[in-house]
């Protein structure tokens, strides 16, 4: 049994039925303190959290910020914990071993700043969403420094707060998550951690169910925001490199995956990929667009206020 003290923070807003499943999985498979930061839910999200015995802090929905809200949660539990886990309201823990695997990683290496776990698709995931999880989350874990992560390129700094864990001491030393980024506060932290000489990792046997059946419009908006992030944080690609042909590999893999299972989804996959490409390219050029148009194209509209 680990001697590290561990808490969990979960931001919520109108979590719906999937939050109930997520909350039940947390209660079943995690024995530490759980803090929910709720942004003014109007459904049963807070009631479910209370029934599960979680602590709840409420904030105004207009004050939600991907990095800032998580910083708030970590500050509230930091004094009595060594590690803080983050989950999203739509991620469902697979088993108790998943949390244990993450914590074990920190015991093995004091320079390890953060790790993220494997995501498998929800039961209702369509074939496109299933392939995305199949391609992006392998069955091989790793721990890298800036030097050892060079062969991975920009993938060395990939991090997902849908299921992740951070060492509190290093997190605070690095100033926590950025509060002025449109998304990818987790990736930005990982890049800062590697640059500062720490390590980050991926735990393949720490598993949650988490996926999205995005429409082409949603993919466009999501990749518009990713393009904005990469434009604003261009130093990450400069210092860590690009994806090294991953886009082409992804498309070829997706074609094979979809053809084998549900070939009639190929047209939708093609449309989604075109939407991703266009959204990303426009996002990288957001400074040339009117502010009102950027806000309209973006998935995270509060960023543009």
Protein backbone atom coordinates (compact mmCIF):
# COMPACT_ATOMS: atom_id res chain seq x y z
CA UNK A 1 0.00 0.00 0.00
CA UNK A 2 1.32 3.43 -0.93
CA UNK A 3 2.40 5.93 1.72
CA UNK A 4 1.59 8.81 -0.60
CA UNK A 5 -1.49 10.84 0.32
CA UNK A 6 -3.85 11.18 -2.63
CA UNK A 7 -6.94 13.30 -3.34
CA UNK A 8 -9.08 13.76 -6.43
CA UNK A 9 -10.52 16.91 -8.04
CA UNK A 10 -13.38 16.81 -10.56
CA UNK A 11 -14.77 19.94 -12.28
CA UNK A 12 -18.48 19.55 -13.09
CA UNK A 13 -21.30 21.31 -14.88
CA UNK A 14 -24.64 19.61 -15.66
CA UNK A 15 -22.99 16.19 -15.71
CA UNK A 16 -26.17 14.26 -16.46
CA UNK A 17 -26.40 10.47 -16.47
CA UNK A 18 -22.74 9.89 -17.32
CA UNK A 19 -21.71 11.87 -14.22
CA UNK A 20 -23.74 9.51 -12.07
CA UNK A 21 -21.82 6.57 -13.54
CA UNK A 22 -18.54 8.44 -13.13
CA UNK A 23 -19.30 9.34 -9.50
CA UNK A 24 -20.24 5.74 -8.69
CA UNK A 25 -17.01 4.48 -10.24
CA UNK A 26 -14.98 6.96 -8.20
CA UNK A 27 -16.72 5.93 -4.99
CA UNK A 28 -16.21 2.25 -5.80
CA UNK A 29 -12.57 2.42 -6.85
CA UNK A 30 -11.03 5.40 -5.03
CA UNK A 31 -10.80 5.64 -1.25
CA UNK A 32 -9.32 9.13 -0.88
CA UNK A 33 -10.99 12.53 -0.54
CA UNK A 34 -12.86 13.80 -3.60
CA UNK A 35 -13.45 17.49 -4.26
CA UNK A 36 -16.00 18.53 -6.89
CA UNK A 37 -15.74 22.06 -8.29
CA UNK A 38 -19.19 22.75 -9.71
CA UNK A 39 -19.88 25.66 -12.08
CA UNK A 40 -23.53 26.22 -11.19
CA UNK A 41 -25.12 22.98 -12.40
CA UNK A 42 -28.88 23.08 -12.88
CA UNK A 43 -29.40 19.31 -12.87
CA UNK A 44 -28.67 16.65 -10.21
CA UNK A 45 -24.88 16.93 -10.46
CA UNK A 46 -24.37 18.45 -6.99
CA UNK A 47 -26.94 16.17 -5.37
CA UNK A 48 -25.14 13.11 -6.77
CA UNK A 49 -21.79 14.42 -5.51
CA UNK A 50 -23.23 14.93 -2.03
CA UNK A 51 -24.81 11.47 -2.00
CA UNK A 52 -21.41 9.98 -2.82
CA UNK A 53 -19.82 11.79 0.11
CA UNK A 54 -17.75 14.15 -2.04
CA UNK A 55 -16.89 17.69 -0.95
CA UNK A 56 -18.38 20.36 -3.21
CA UNK A 57 -17.17 23.88 -3.95
CA UNK A 58 -19.43 26.01 -6.11
CA UNK A 59 -18.29 28.69 -8.55
CA UNK A 60 -20.14 30.87 -11.03
CA UNK A 61 -20.23 29.36 -14.52
CA UNK A 62 -18.73 32.55 -15.97
CA UNK A 63 -15.68 32.03 -13.74
CA UNK A 64 -14.85 28.55 -15.06
CA UNK A 65 -11.41 28.26 -16.59
CA UNK A 66 -9.76 24.98 -17.61
CA UNK A 67 -6.54 25.81 -15.79
CA UNK A 68 -7.82 28.19 -13.14
CA UNK A 69 -10.64 25.97 -11.89
CA UNK A 70 -8.27 23.04 -11.50
CA UNK A 71 -5.74 25.26 -9.73
CA UNK A 72 -8.49 26.25 -7.31
CA UNK A 73 -9.28 22.62 -6.61
CA UNK A 74 -5.67 21.62 -6.10
CA UNK A 75 -5.04 24.52 -3.72
CA UNK A 76 -7.91 23.34 -1.54
CA UNK A 77 -6.47 19.83 -1.11
CA UNK A 78 -2.72 20.48 -1.49
CA UNK A 79 -1.79 20.95 2.17
CA UNK A 80 -2.80 17.41 3.14
CA UNK A 81 -1.90 15.46 -0.02
CA UNK A 82 1.18 14.48 -2.02
CA UNK A 83 -0.62 13.59 -5.26
CA UNK A 84 -3.76 15.05 -6.83
CA UNK A 85 -5.77 13.13 -9.39
CA UNK A 86 -7.90 14.96 -11.94
CA UNK A 87 -10.87 13.49 -13.76
CA UNK A 88 -13.58 14.94 -15.94
CA UNK A 89 -17.26 14.38 -15.20
CA UNK A 90 -17.66 12.13 -18.26
CA UNK A 91 -14.80 9.74 -17.45
CA UNK A 92 -15.60 6.42 -15.76
CA UNK A 93 -12.96 4.58 -13.75
CA UNK A 94 -12.40 1.03 -14.92
CA UNK A 95 -11.15 -0.53 -11.68
CA UNK A 96 -9.22 0.12 -8.45
CA UNK A 97 -5.99 -1.04 -10.06
CA UNK A 98 -6.06 1.99 -12.35
CA UNK A 99 -5.55 4.47 -9.51
CA UNK A 100 -2.99 2.23 -7.81
CA UNK A 101 -0.96 1.99 -11.02
CA UNK A 102 -0.76 5.76 -11.28
CA UNK A 103 0.37 6.26 -7.70
CA UNK A 104 3.00 3.52 -8.01
CA UNK A 105 4.62 5.50 -10.81
CA UNK A 106 5.25 8.43 -8.47
CA UNK A 107 6.79 6.18 -5.82
CA UNK A 108 9.32 4.91 -8.34
CA UNK A 109 10.65 8.32 -9.44
CA UNK A 110 10.75 11.52 -7.38
CA UNK A 111 11.34 13.61 -10.52
CA UNK A 112 8.04 12.48 -12.03
CA UNK A 113 5.79 15.54 -12.23
CA UNK A 114 2.67 14.14 -13.88
CA UNK A 115 1.16 11.11 -15.57
CA UNK A 116 -2.01 10.41 -17.52
CA UNK A 117 -3.96 7.22 -17.98
CA UNK A 118 -5.36 5.25 -20.85
CA UNK A 119 -8.78 6.09 -22.29
CA UNK A 120 -11.04 3.48 -23.82
CA UNK A 121 -14.33 4.31 -25.56
CA UNK A 122 -17.69 4.57 -23.85
CA UNK A 123 -20.16 1.80 -24.57
CA UNK A 124 -22.12 4.08 -26.93
CA UNK A 125 -19.07 5.31 -28.86
CA UNK A 126 -19.39 5.19 -32.62
CA UNK A 127 -16.69 3.55 -34.73
CA UNK A 128 -14.89 6.86 -35.34
CA UNK A 129 -14.64 7.59 -31.63
CA UNK A 130 -13.57 4.00 -30.93
CA UNK A 131 -10.75 4.29 -33.45
CA UNK A 132 -9.53 7.59 -31.95
CA UNK A 133 -9.06 5.91 -28.57
CA UNK A 134 -7.52 2.82 -30.18
CA UNK A 135 -4.97 4.93 -32.07
CA UNK A 136 -4.10 7.53 -29.43
CA UNK A 137 -3.88 5.35 -26.32
CA UNK A 138 -1.52 2.43 -26.74
CA UNK A 139 -0.99 -0.53 -24.45
CA UNK A 140 2.60 0.55 -23.71
CA UNK A 141 3.35 3.05 -20.97
CA UNK A 142 6.38 5.30 -20.70
CA UNK A 143 8.17 7.89 -18.59
CA UNK A 144 10.24 10.52 -20.40
CA UNK A 145 12.51 13.47 -19.73
CA UNK A 146 13.00 16.20 -22.31
CA UNK A 147 16.03 14.37 -23.68
CA UNK A 148 14.62 10.84 -23.70
CA UNK A 149 11.31 12.06 -25.13
CA UNK A 150 12.84 13.48 -28.32
CA UNK A 151 11.90 10.44 -30.47
CA UNK A 152 8.23 11.05 -29.56
CA UNK A 153 8.27 14.64 -30.83
CA UNK A 154 5.35 16.70 -29.59
CA UNK A 155 3.68 13.52 -28.30
CA UNK A 156 6.19 13.61 -25.44
CA UNK A 157 4.22 16.48 -23.90
CA UNK A 158 0.77 14.99 -24.44
CA UNK A 159 -1.25 14.97 -21.23
CA UNK A 160 -4.98 14.58 -20.60
CA UNK A 161 -6.79 15.85 -17.52
CA UNK A 162 -9.68 13.52 -18.26
CA UNK A 163 -7.62 11.13 -16.12
CA UNK A 164 -4.31 12.36 -14.79
CA UNK A 165 -2.24 12.76 -11.63
CA UNK A 166 0.21 15.43 -10.48
CA UNK A 167 2.84 15.59 -7.76
CA UNK A 168 1.73 18.52 -5.61
CA UNK A 169 5.22 19.79 -4.72
CA UNK A 170 6.38 19.99 -8.36
CA UNK A 171 3.01 21.34 -9.49
CA UNK A 172 3.30 24.23 -7.07
CA UNK A 173 6.98 24.81 -7.90
CA UNK A 174 6.02 25.24 -11.57
CA UNK A 175 3.13 27.58 -10.81
CA UNK A 176 0.32 25.16 -11.63
CA UNK A 177 -1.76 25.32 -14.79
CA UNK A 178 -1.75 28.39 -17.01
CA UNK A 179 -5.01 30.31 -16.66
CA UNK A 180 -4.78 32.19 -19.95
CA UNK A 181 -4.88 29.31 -22.43
CA UNK A 182 -7.90 28.32 -24.52
CA UNK A 183 -7.41 24.61 -23.79
CA UNK A 184 -4.54 22.10 -23.39
CA UNK A 185 -3.54 23.43 -19.97
CA UNK A 186 -2.40 19.86 -19.30
CA UNK A 187 -0.09 19.75 -22.34
CA UNK A 188 1.33 23.17 -21.51
CA UNK A 189 2.11 22.00 -17.98
CA UNK A 190 3.82 18.86 -19.31
CA UNK A 191 5.96 20.96 -21.67
CA UNK A 192 6.93 23.29 -18.83
CA UNK A 193 7.74 20.33 -16.58
CA UNK A 194 10.06 18.70 -19.14
CA UNK A 195 11.72 22.04 -19.86
CA UNK A 196 12.36 22.47 -16.12
CA UNK A 197 14.10 19.09 -15.93
CA UNK A 198 11.27 16.96 -14.58
CA UNK A 199 9.62 13.89 -16.13
CA UNK A 200 6.11 13.04 -17.34
CA UNK A 201 4.54 9.71 -18.21
CA UNK A 202 1.71 7.57 -19.52
CA UNK A 203 0.26 4.65 -17.54
CA UNK A 204 -1.26 2.18 -19.98
CA UNK A 205 -2.90 -0.02 -17.34
CA UNK A 206 -4.61 2.93 -15.61
CA UNK A 207 -7.89 2.98 -17.51
CA UNK A 208 -11.04 5.10 -17.79
CA UNK A 209 -13.90 5.04 -20.24
CA UNK A 210 -13.94 8.39 -22.00
CA UNK A 211 -14.84 9.34 -25.57
CA UNK A 212 -16.97 11.74 -27.64
CA UNK A 213 -19.13 11.19 -30.70
CA UNK A 214 -18.22 14.56 -32.20
CA UNK A 215 -20.03 15.92 -35.23
CA UNK A 216 -18.02 17.49 -38.04
CA UNK A 217 -18.96 20.93 -36.72
CA UNK A 218 -17.73 20.06 -33.24
CA UNK A 219 -14.49 18.67 -34.65
CA UNK A 220 -14.00 21.90 -36.60
CA UNK A 221 -14.45 24.03 -33.48
CA UNK A 222 -12.27 21.78 -31.35
CA UNK A 223 -9.42 21.85 -33.85
CA UNK A 224 -9.85 25.59 -34.34
CA UNK A 225 -9.09 25.92 -30.63
CA UNK A 226 -6.14 23.52 -30.89
CA UNK A 227 -4.79 25.67 -33.72
CA UNK A 228 -5.15 28.76 -31.51
CA UNK A 229 -3.26 27.00 -28.73
CA UNK A 230 -0.42 25.94 -31.03
CA UNK A 231 -0.15 29.47 -32.41
CA UNK A 232 -0.03 31.00 -28.92
CA UNK A 233 2.38 28.37 -27.59
CA UNK A 234 4.48 27.96 -30.71
CA UNK A 235 7.57 27.34 -28.57
CA UNK A 236 6.27 23.85 -27.80
CA UNK A 237 6.47 22.72 -31.41
CA UNK A 238 9.79 24.54 -31.79
CA UNK A 239 11.33 22.86 -28.73
CA UNK A 240 9.75 19.43 -28.98
CA UNK A 241 9.09 19.02 -32.70
CA UNK A 242 6.01 18.10 -34.66
CA UNK A 243 3.89 14.98 -34.80
CA UNK A 244 6.17 13.32 -37.37
CA UNK A 245 3.55 12.15 -39.87
CA UNK A 246 1.05 11.06 -37.22
CA UNK A 247 -1.78 12.68 -39.15
CA UNK A 248 -1.21 10.45 -42.18
CA UNK A 249 -0.83 7.39 -39.94
CA UNK A 250 -4.07 8.27 -38.17
CA UNK A 251 -6.07 8.55 -41.39
CA UNK A 252 -4.73 5.29 -42.84
CA UNK A 253 -5.37 3.52 -39.54
CA UNK A 254 -8.88 4.96 -39.37
CA UNK A 255 -9.73 3.79 -42.89
CA UNK A 256 -8.69 0.21 -42.07
CA UNK A 257 -10.45 0.30 -38.69
CA UNK A 258 -13.72 1.63 -40.10
CA UNK A 259 -13.70 -0.59 -43.21
CA UNK A 260 -13.36 -3.67 -41.05
CA UNK A 261 -16.23 -2.73 -38.73
CA UNK A 262 -18.73 -0.22 -40.17
CA UNK A 263 -17.67 0.85 -43.67
CA UNK A 264 -20.65 3.17 -44.12
CA UNK A 265 -18.97 5.51 -41.60
CA UNK A 266 -16.11 6.20 -44.05
CA UNK A 267 -17.87 9.23 -45.52
CA UNK A 268 -18.44 10.68 -42.05
CA UNK A 269 -14.81 10.01 -41.14
CA UNK A 270 -13.66 11.83 -44.29
CA UNK A 271 -15.89 14.83 -43.54
CA UNK A 272 -14.67 14.95 -39.93
CA UNK A 273 -11.03 14.89 -41.01
CA UNK A 274 -11.57 17.71 -43.49
CA UNK A 275 -13.28 19.68 -40.72
CA UNK A 276 -10.33 19.07 -38.38
CA UNK A 277 -7.82 20.23 -40.98
CA UNK A 278 -9.73 23.38 -41.87
CA UNK A 279 -10.42 24.23 -38.24
CA UNK A 280 -6.79 23.78 -37.26
CA UNK A 281 -5.48 25.88 -40.13
CA UNK A 282 -7.91 28.69 -39.36
CA UNK A 283 -7.10 28.49 -35.66
CA UNK A 284 -3.41 28.98 -36.34
CA UNK A 285 -4.36 32.14 -38.25
CA UNK A 286 -6.87 33.48 -35.71
CA UNK A 287 -4.98 36.78 -35.39
CA UNK A 288 -5.98 37.56 -38.96
CA UNK A 289 -9.68 37.02 -38.19
CA UNK A 290 -12.20 39.40 -36.57
CA UNK A 291 -12.64 38.68 -32.86
CA UNK A 292 -16.35 38.08 -33.39
CA UNK A 293 -15.62 35.39 -36.00
CA UNK A 294 -13.03 33.65 -33.81
CA UNK A 295 -15.58 33.49 -31.00
CA UNK A 296 -18.16 32.03 -33.36
CA UNK A 297 -15.80 29.37 -34.69
CA UNK A 298 -14.44 28.36 -31.28
CA UNK A 299 -15.71 25.61 -29.01
CA UNK A 300 -14.59 27.56 -25.92
CA UNK A 301 -16.39 30.83 -26.43
CA UNK A 302 -15.74 32.22 -22.94
CA UNK A 303 -12.07 32.49 -23.83
CA UNK A 304 -12.82 35.33 -26.23
CA UNK A 305 -14.63 37.61 -23.78
